[in-house]
């Protein structure tokens, strides 16, 4: 006698997997218009009442503004994300985001500490908040 348990399991799992995959696409068949948890798209920015990049992040991804770790001898910044605008670092911590007017923003992206260290070198224990402007990067 042949074991038929595998087809039974497949019959239960396949509809669930296909249903979950369908949730990643809008009804029109195109990808969802909003970015993932690490991206704030132009469309998301446009739909806020924010005046600057700091307000946008505070409204849409507030966890980006929280420290990842406590201050230490090797991490004086306490694990806060460093701010870059068009690949240029800004001084002033996360408050530096308030210098970027909302009308200039094309996209805001959070880069993990590991990826930020690979890309920019050491000193990025809190990751990077990268603002890409409509005129730059």
Protein backbone atom coordinates (compact mmCIF):
# COMPACT_ATOMS: atom_id res chain seq x y z
CA UNK A 1 0.00 0.00 0.00
CA UNK A 2 1.30 3.45 -0.92
CA UNK A 3 1.56 6.28 1.64
CA UNK A 4 -0.55 9.25 0.54
CA UNK A 5 0.17 11.63 3.42
CA UNK A 6 2.34 13.95 1.35
CA UNK A 7 -0.41 14.88 -1.10
CA UNK A 8 -2.74 15.60 1.82
CA UNK A 9 -0.21 18.01 3.35
CA UNK A 10 0.39 19.65 -0.03
CA UNK A 11 -3.35 20.05 -0.50
CA UNK A 12 -3.59 21.93 2.79
CA UNK A 13 -0.49 24.10 2.42
CA UNK A 14 -0.69 25.10 -1.25
CA UNK A 15 -3.86 27.25 -0.99
CA UNK A 16 -2.41 29.08 2.03
CA UNK A 17 0.89 29.78 0.31
CA UNK A 18 -0.81 31.01 -2.84
CA UNK A 19 -3.16 33.19 -0.82
CA UNK A 20 -0.27 34.76 1.09
CA UNK A 21 1.63 35.46 -2.13
CA UNK A 22 -1.40 37.18 -3.57
CA UNK A 23 -1.40 39.60 -0.63
CA UNK A 24 1.88 41.09 -1.85
CA UNK A 25 0.29 42.56 -4.95
CA UNK A 26 -2.38 45.22 -5.27
CA UNK A 27 -5.67 44.23 -6.94
CA UNK A 28 -4.47 45.76 -10.21
CA UNK A 29 -1.54 43.33 -10.31
CA UNK A 30 1.18 45.91 -9.69
CA UNK A 31 3.49 45.90 -6.65
CA UNK A 32 2.28 47.74 -3.55
CA UNK A 33 3.06 51.44 -3.80
CA UNK A 34 4.44 51.89 -0.28
CA UNK A 35 7.94 50.89 0.71
CA UNK A 36 8.78 48.20 3.19
CA UNK A 37 9.70 48.83 6.80
CA UNK A 38 13.11 50.17 5.75
CA UNK A 39 11.92 52.61 3.07
CA UNK A 40 9.70 55.69 3.06
CA UNK A 41 8.62 56.38 -0.50
CA UNK A 42 7.83 59.69 -2.17
CA UNK A 43 4.14 58.72 -2.16
CA UNK A 44 4.19 58.16 1.61
CA UNK A 45 5.94 61.49 2.18
CA UNK A 46 3.41 63.29 0.00
CA UNK A 47 0.49 61.91 2.04
CA UNK A 48 1.79 63.30 5.36
CA UNK A 49 1.30 66.76 6.82
CA UNK A 50 5.00 66.94 7.74
CA UNK A 51 7.19 69.97 7.07
CA UNK A 52 10.60 68.27 7.18
CA UNK A 53 12.30 64.87 7.07
CA UNK A 54 12.38 64.54 10.87
CA UNK A 55 8.60 64.92 11.06
CA UNK A 56 8.15 62.40 8.22
CA UNK A 57 10.24 59.78 10.03
CA UNK A 58 8.55 60.57 13.37
CA UNK A 59 5.13 60.02 11.79
CA UNK A 60 5.86 57.00 9.59
CA UNK A 61 8.85 55.10 11.06
CA UNK A 62 9.46 56.39 14.62
CA UNK A 63 11.53 53.32 15.54
CA UNK A 64 14.29 54.64 13.25
CA UNK A 65 14.80 57.52 15.70
CA UNK A 66 15.31 55.27 18.74
CA UNK A 67 18.79 54.19 19.86
CA UNK A 68 19.82 50.61 19.09
CA UNK A 69 22.12 50.38 22.13
CA UNK A 70 23.27 52.28 25.22
CA UNK A 71 26.25 54.64 25.07
CA UNK A 72 29.62 53.01 25.75
CA UNK A 73 33.32 53.80 25.44
CA UNK A 74 33.36 52.53 21.87
CA UNK A 75 29.92 53.89 20.95
CA UNK A 76 29.60 57.42 22.30
CA UNK A 77 26.57 58.11 20.10
CA UNK A 78 24.55 55.57 22.01
CA UNK A 79 23.42 53.66 18.98
CA UNK A 80 21.40 56.41 17.32
CA UNK A 81 21.24 56.29 13.54
CA UNK A 82 23.59 58.62 11.70
CA UNK A 83 22.03 60.90 9.12
CA UNK A 84 23.12 61.11 5.49
CA UNK A 85 21.61 63.25 2.73
CA UNK A 86 22.51 62.13 -0.78
CA UNK A 87 25.43 60.08 0.64
CA UNK A 88 26.83 63.07 2.58
CA UNK A 89 26.90 62.75 6.40
CA UNK A 90 25.20 65.45 8.49
CA UNK A 91 26.21 66.44 12.02
CA UNK A 92 23.63 66.97 14.74
CA UNK A 93 22.18 63.52 15.26
CA UNK A 94 18.68 62.64 14.21
CA UNK A 95 17.61 66.29 14.65
CA UNK A 96 19.65 67.04 11.50
CA UNK A 97 16.71 65.57 9.60
CA UNK A 98 14.76 68.74 10.40
CA UNK A 99 17.05 70.67 8.00
CA UNK A 100 15.63 68.77 5.00
CA UNK A 101 12.35 70.30 3.74
CA UNK A 102 9.63 67.81 2.86
CA UNK A 103 9.45 69.17 -0.69
CA UNK A 104 13.03 68.06 -1.35
CA UNK A 105 12.51 64.41 -0.34
CA UNK A 106 12.46 61.67 -2.97
CA UNK A 107 12.97 58.75 -0.57
CA UNK A 108 14.13 58.02 2.97
CA UNK A 109 15.79 54.71 3.68
CA UNK A 110 17.03 53.04 6.87
CA UNK A 111 20.32 51.15 6.43
CA UNK A 112 21.12 48.53 9.07
CA UNK A 113 24.27 48.87 11.21
CA UNK A 114 25.97 45.98 9.40
CA UNK A 115 25.19 47.36 5.94
CA UNK A 116 26.10 50.91 7.02
CA UNK A 117 29.47 49.75 8.37
CA UNK A 118 30.18 47.92 5.13
CA UNK A 119 29.22 50.94 3.06
CA UNK A 120 30.53 53.85 5.17
CA UNK A 121 33.01 52.32 7.64
CA UNK A 122 32.96 52.08 11.42
CA UNK A 123 30.92 54.32 13.71
CA UNK A 124 27.46 53.32 12.50
CA UNK A 125 26.25 51.18 15.42
CA UNK A 126 22.77 52.68 15.08
CA UNK A 127 22.62 52.33 11.31
CA UNK A 128 22.00 55.16 8.88
CA UNK A 129 18.94 57.14 7.88
CA UNK A 130 19.62 58.06 4.26
CA UNK A 131 17.59 60.86 2.70
CA UNK A 132 17.64 60.94 -1.08
CA UNK A 133 16.54 64.29 -2.45
CA UNK A 134 14.80 65.04 -5.69
CA UNK A 135 17.82 67.02 -6.93
CA UNK A 136 20.65 64.84 -5.62
CA UNK A 137 21.59 61.17 -5.10
